[in-house]
Amino acid sequence: MKDQITQMTVVKKRSDSRNLVKISKKKVGKIQSEVRQYYDKNGYLSWSEKKRKYVILGTNTPVNGLVECPDCHIGKLLIIRSRKTKKRFIGCSNYYNGCRASAPLVQRGMICATKMPCKICFWPIILLRYSRKQKWARQCSNMRCESRISKS
């Protein structure tokens, strides 16, 4: 009787170990696909103590980026339109790796973003106007920039 019980436990352990291998292969496959997607010639892996996982740094620099992010110096600032609210703002391409640099934009009117950085805060300069009758106004995209506060 004892031999049958020990054999049953051995069989259960074997089946469990087989299932674990399948699960770990799926996880490894997901990780490999993520690494292949985001890892390019400029990238490198770094251990994040805060997130307790490996983070890919210095990768996927977008072609349509305006200027280098003044906060993280890795990503680029882009004009982004929110899917939920349909509002537009400027945000860093390195957002998912921890950079929280963002600034709201004017929702109505026309915006033309330039690749010229502000001399004070290094955020991109934007050109905007509310109607066709108005002239283009030039200002820094950062709401907290001193050049923008002094004009107001």
C-alpha atoms as a PDB file:
ATOM      1  CA  MET A   1       0.000   0.000   0.000  1.00  0.00           C
ATOM      2  CA  LYS A   2       2.812   2.403   0.908  1.00  0.00           C
ATOM      3  CA  ASP A   3       4.541   1.627  -2.373  1.00  0.00           C
ATOM      4  CA  GLN A   4       1.423   2.618  -4.337  1.00  0.00           C
ATOM      5  CA  ILE A   5       1.146   5.931  -2.476  1.00  0.00           C
ATOM      6  CA  THR A   6       4.801   6.799  -3.092  1.00  0.00           C
ATOM      7  CA  GLN A   7       4.423   5.887  -6.776  1.00  0.00           C
ATOM      8  CA  MET A   8       1.375   8.148  -7.087  1.00  0.00           C
ATOM      9  CA  THR A   9       3.222  11.076  -5.525  1.00  0.00           C
ATOM     10  CA  VAL A  10       6.162  10.502  -7.860  1.00  0.00           C
ATOM     11  CA  VAL A  11       3.806  10.488 -10.861  1.00  0.00           C
ATOM     12  CA  LYS A  12       2.172  13.721  -9.690  1.00  0.00           C
ATOM     13  CA  LYS A  13       5.557  15.387  -9.230  1.00  0.00           C
ATOM     14  CA  ARG A  14       6.586  14.398 -12.744  1.00  0.00           C
ATOM     15  CA  SER A  15       3.432  15.793 -14.315  1.00  0.00           C
ATOM     16  CA  ASP A  16       3.815  19.012 -12.335  1.00  0.00           C
ATOM     17  CA  SER A  17       7.414  19.437 -13.471  1.00  0.00           C
ATOM     18  CA  ARG A  18       6.361  18.967 -17.098  1.00  0.00           C
ATOM     19  CA  ASN A  19       3.719  21.638 -16.771  1.00  0.00           C
ATOM     20  CA  LEU A  20       6.210  24.002 -15.184  1.00  0.00           C
ATOM     21  CA  VAL A  21       8.534  23.612 -18.140  1.00  0.00           C
ATOM     22  CA  LYS A  22       5.743  24.548 -20.547  1.00  0.00           C
ATOM     23  CA  ILE A  23       4.821  27.600 -18.489  1.00  0.00           C
ATOM     24  CA  SER A  24       8.405  28.763 -18.245  1.00  0.00           C
ATOM     25  CA  LYS A  25       8.899  28.278 -22.009  1.00  0.00           C
ATOM     26  CA  LYS A  26       5.895  30.554 -22.628  1.00  0.00           C
ATOM     27  CA  LYS A  27       7.317  33.189 -20.281  1.00  0.00           C
ATOM     28  CA  VAL A  28      10.743  32.990 -21.897  1.00  0.00           C
ATOM     29  CA  GLY A  29       9.119  33.334 -25.320  1.00  0.00           C
ATOM     30  CA  LYS A  30       7.271  36.488 -24.220  1.00  0.00           C
ATOM     31  CA  ILE A  31      10.435  37.984 -22.782  1.00  0.00           C
ATOM     32  CA  GLN A  32      12.399  37.167 -25.939  1.00  0.00           C
ATOM     33  CA  SER A  33       9.779  38.804 -28.150  1.00  0.00           C
ATOM     34  CA  GLU A  34       9.802  41.935 -25.961  1.00  0.00           C
ATOM     35  CA  VAL A  35      13.587  42.109 -26.050  1.00  0.00           C
ATOM     36  CA  ARG A  36      13.640  41.652 -29.838  1.00  0.00           C
ATOM     37  CA  GLN A  37      11.010  44.351 -30.265  1.00  0.00           C
ATOM     38  CA  TYR A  38      12.654  47.023 -28.128  1.00  0.00           C
ATOM     39  CA  TYR A  39      16.346  46.150 -28.213  1.00  0.00           C
ATOM     40  CA  ASP A  40      18.310  47.867 -30.978  1.00  0.00           C
ATOM     41  CA  LYS A  41      21.972  48.740 -31.570  1.00  0.00           C
ATOM     42  CA  ASN A  42      21.911  51.610 -29.047  1.00  0.00           C
ATOM     43  CA  GLY A  43      20.186  49.618 -26.302  1.00  0.00           C
ATOM     44  CA  TYR A  44      21.432  47.834 -23.242  1.00  0.00           C
ATOM     45  CA  LEU A  45      19.828  45.917 -20.384  1.00  0.00           C
ATOM     46  CA  SER A  46      19.895  47.323 -16.881  1.00  0.00           C
ATOM     47  CA  TRP A  47      18.530  45.949 -13.589  1.00  0.00           C
ATOM     48  CA  SER A  48      15.923  48.249 -12.019  1.00  0.00           C
ATOM     49  CA  GLU A  49      15.813  47.967  -8.226  1.00  0.00           C
ATOM     50  CA  LYS A  50      12.571  49.956  -8.086  1.00  0.00           C
ATOM     51  CA  LYS A  51      10.715  47.695 -10.517  1.00  0.00           C
ATOM     52  CA  ARG A  52      12.660  44.548  -9.564  1.00  0.00           C
ATOM     53  CA  LYS A  53      13.164  43.539 -13.187  1.00  0.00           C
ATOM     54  CA  TYR A  54      15.435  44.154 -16.162  1.00  0.00           C
ATOM     55  CA  VAL A  55      14.720  47.322 -18.105  1.00  0.00           C
ATOM     56  CA  ILE A  56      15.926  48.042 -21.631  1.00  0.00           C
ATOM     57  CA  LEU A  57      17.525  51.483 -21.726  1.00  0.00           C
ATOM     58  CA  GLY A  58      18.515  53.721 -24.607  1.00  0.00           C
ATOM     59  CA  THR A  59      16.374  52.042 -27.231  1.00  0.00           C
ATOM     60  CA  ASN A  60      13.777  52.814 -29.848  1.00  0.00           C
ATOM     61  CA  THR A  61      14.639  56.440 -30.384  1.00  0.00           C
ATOM     62  CA  PRO A  62      11.750  57.603 -32.549  1.00  0.00           C
ATOM     63  CA  VAL A  63      12.394  59.187 -35.930  1.00  0.00           C
ATOM     64  CA  ASN A  64       9.736  61.871 -35.441  1.00  0.00           C
ATOM     65  CA  GLY A  65      11.012  62.971 -32.025  1.00  0.00           C
ATOM     66  CA  LEU A  66      11.328  66.708 -31.496  1.00  0.00           C
ATOM     67  CA  VAL A  67      14.222  67.121 -29.051  1.00  0.00           C
ATOM     68  CA  GLU A  68      16.051  64.998 -26.486  1.00  0.00           C
ATOM     69  CA  CYS A  69      14.113  64.624 -23.236  1.00  0.00           C
ATOM     70  CA  PRO A  70      15.511  67.110 -20.667  1.00  0.00           C
ATOM     71  CA  ASP A  71      14.582  64.814 -17.746  1.00  0.00           C
ATOM     72  CA  CYS A  72      15.949  61.376 -18.690  1.00  0.00           C
ATOM     73  CA  HIS A  73      18.302  62.292 -21.621  1.00  0.00           C
ATOM     74  CA  ILE A  74      17.457  58.914 -23.220  1.00  0.00           C
ATOM     75  CA  GLY A  75      14.099  59.344 -24.960  1.00  0.00           C
ATOM     76  CA  LYS A  76      12.783  62.063 -27.238  1.00  0.00           C
ATOM     77  CA  LEU A  77       9.819  64.353 -26.723  1.00  0.00           C
ATOM     78  CA  LEU A  78       6.904  63.708 -29.112  1.00  0.00           C
ATOM     79  CA  ILE A  79       3.462  65.138 -29.727  1.00  0.00           C
ATOM     80  CA  ILE A  80       0.995  62.469 -28.594  1.00  0.00           C
ATOM     81  CA  ARG A  81      -2.786  62.291 -28.856  1.00  0.00           C
ATOM     82  CA  SER A  82      -4.511  60.389 -26.051  1.00  0.00           C
ATOM     83  CA  ARG A  83      -6.704  57.525 -27.244  1.00  0.00           C
ATOM     84  CA  LYS A  84      -9.247  57.946 -24.456  1.00  0.00           C
ATOM     85  CA  THR A  85      -9.667  61.699 -24.233  1.00  0.00           C
ATOM     86  CA  LYS A  86      -8.434  62.647 -27.735  1.00  0.00           C
ATOM     87  CA  LYS A  87      -6.375  65.440 -26.150  1.00  0.00           C
ATOM     88  CA  ARG A  88      -2.884  66.217 -27.365  1.00  0.00           C
ATOM     89  CA  PHE A  89       0.208  66.678 -25.238  1.00  0.00           C
ATOM     90  CA  ILE A  90       3.975  66.413 -25.389  1.00  0.00           C
ATOM     91  CA  GLY A  91       5.484  63.346 -23.738  1.00  0.00           C
ATOM     92  CA  CYS A  92       8.727  61.380 -23.586  1.00  0.00           C
ATOM     93  CA  SER A  93       9.216  58.252 -25.698  1.00  0.00           C
ATOM     94  CA  ASN A  94      10.895  56.639 -22.673  1.00  0.00           C
ATOM     95  CA  TYR A  95       7.651  56.777 -20.646  1.00  0.00           C
ATOM     96  CA  TYR A  96       7.372  53.019 -20.096  1.00  0.00           C
ATOM     97  CA  ASN A  97      10.877  52.876 -18.629  1.00  0.00           C
ATOM     98  CA  GLY A  98      10.094  55.436 -15.955  1.00  0.00           C
ATOM     99  CA  CYS A  99      10.368  58.936 -17.478  1.00  0.00           C
ATOM    100  CA  ARG A 100       7.330  61.070 -16.616  1.00  0.00           C
ATOM    101  CA  ALA A 101       8.181  64.205 -18.615  1.00  0.00           C
ATOM    102  CA  SER A 102       4.996  65.570 -20.194  1.00  0.00           C
ATOM    103  CA  ALA A 103       3.281  68.887 -20.845  1.00  0.00           C
ATOM    104  CA  PRO A 104      -0.230  69.730 -22.085  1.00  0.00           C
ATOM    105  CA  LEU A 105      -0.811  71.442 -25.428  1.00  0.00           C
ATOM    106  CA  VAL A 106      -3.509  73.798 -26.652  1.00  0.00           C
ATOM    107  CA  GLN A 107      -6.503  71.680 -27.680  1.00  0.00           C
ATOM    108  CA  ARG A 108      -8.051  74.068 -30.181  1.00  0.00           C
ATOM    109  CA  GLY A 109      -6.113  75.755 -32.914  1.00  0.00           C
ATOM    110  CA  MET A 110      -3.233  74.773 -35.131  1.00  0.00           C
ATOM    111  CA  ILE A 111       0.126  73.677 -33.757  1.00  0.00           C
ATOM    112  CA  CYS A 112       3.402  73.409 -35.586  1.00  0.00           C
ATOM    113  CA  ALA A 113       6.139  71.775 -33.531  1.00  0.00           C
ATOM    114  CA  THR A 114       9.756  72.642 -34.226  1.00  0.00           C
ATOM    115  CA  LYS A 115      12.892  70.695 -33.459  1.00  0.00           C
ATOM    116  CA  MET A 116      14.463  73.755 -31.865  1.00  0.00           C
ATOM    117  CA  PRO A 117      14.934  73.478 -28.086  1.00  0.00           C
ATOM    118  CA  CYS A 118      14.140  76.342 -25.704  1.00  0.00           C
ATOM    119  CA  LYS A 119      17.282  78.121 -24.506  1.00  0.00           C
ATOM    120  CA  ILE A 120      16.155  78.028 -20.864  1.00  0.00           C
ATOM    121  CA  CYS A 121      14.519  74.635 -20.259  1.00  0.00           C
ATOM    122  CA  PHE A 122      15.488  72.669 -23.451  1.00  0.00           C
ATOM    123  CA  TRP A 123      11.863  71.671 -24.256  1.00  0.00           C
ATOM    124  CA  PRO A 124      10.770  72.111 -27.901  1.00  0.00           C
ATOM    125  CA  ILE A 125       9.520  75.463 -29.215  1.00  0.00           C
ATOM    126  CA  ILE A 126       6.018  75.315 -30.732  1.00  0.00           C
ATOM    127  CA  LEU A 127       4.245  77.642 -33.131  1.00  0.00           C
ATOM    128  CA  LEU A 128       0.510  78.045 -32.593  1.00  0.00           C
ATOM    129  CA  ARG A 129      -2.483  80.052 -33.739  1.00  0.00           C
ATOM    130  CA  TYR A 130      -6.186  79.811 -33.011  1.00  0.00           C
ATOM    131  CA  SER A 131      -7.537  81.032 -36.359  1.00  0.00           C
ATOM    132  CA  ARG A 132      -6.212  81.720 -39.839  1.00  0.00           C
ATOM    133  CA  LYS A 133      -6.513  85.460 -39.283  1.00  0.00           C
ATOM    134  CA  GLN A 134      -4.001  85.381 -36.432  1.00  0.00           C
ATOM    135  CA  LYS A 135      -0.244  85.342 -36.824  1.00  0.00           C
ATOM    136  CA  TRP A 136       1.761  82.369 -35.640  1.00  0.00           C
ATOM    137  CA  ALA A 137       2.824  82.746 -31.998  1.00  0.00           C
ATOM    138  CA  ARG A 138       6.082  81.164 -30.888  1.00  0.00           C
ATOM    139  CA  GLN A 139       6.418  79.794 -27.350  1.00  0.00           C
ATOM    140  CA  CYS A 140       8.032  77.055 -25.283  1.00  0.00           C
ATOM    141  CA  SER A 141       5.960  73.898 -24.890  1.00  0.00           C
ATOM    142  CA  ASN A 142       6.836  73.557 -21.189  1.00  0.00           C
ATOM    143  CA  MET A 143       4.172  75.175 -18.985  1.00  0.00           C
ATOM    144  CA  ARG A 144       6.682  75.822 -16.164  1.00  0.00           C
ATOM    145  CA  CYS A 145       9.349  77.474 -18.324  1.00  0.00           C
ATOM    146  CA  GLU A 146      10.521  80.919 -17.184  1.00  0.00           C
ATOM    147  CA  SER A 147      10.340  82.312 -20.728  1.00  0.00           C
ATOM    148  CA  ARG A 148       6.638  81.433 -20.881  1.00  0.00           C
ATOM    149  CA  ILE A 149       5.840  82.771 -17.406  1.00  0.00           C
ATOM    150  CA  SER A 150       7.521  86.125 -18.020  1.00  0.00           C
ATOM    151  CA  LYS A 151       5.476  86.726 -21.229  1.00  0.00           C
ATOM    152  CA  SER A 152       2.121  86.149 -19.500  1.00  0.00           C
END
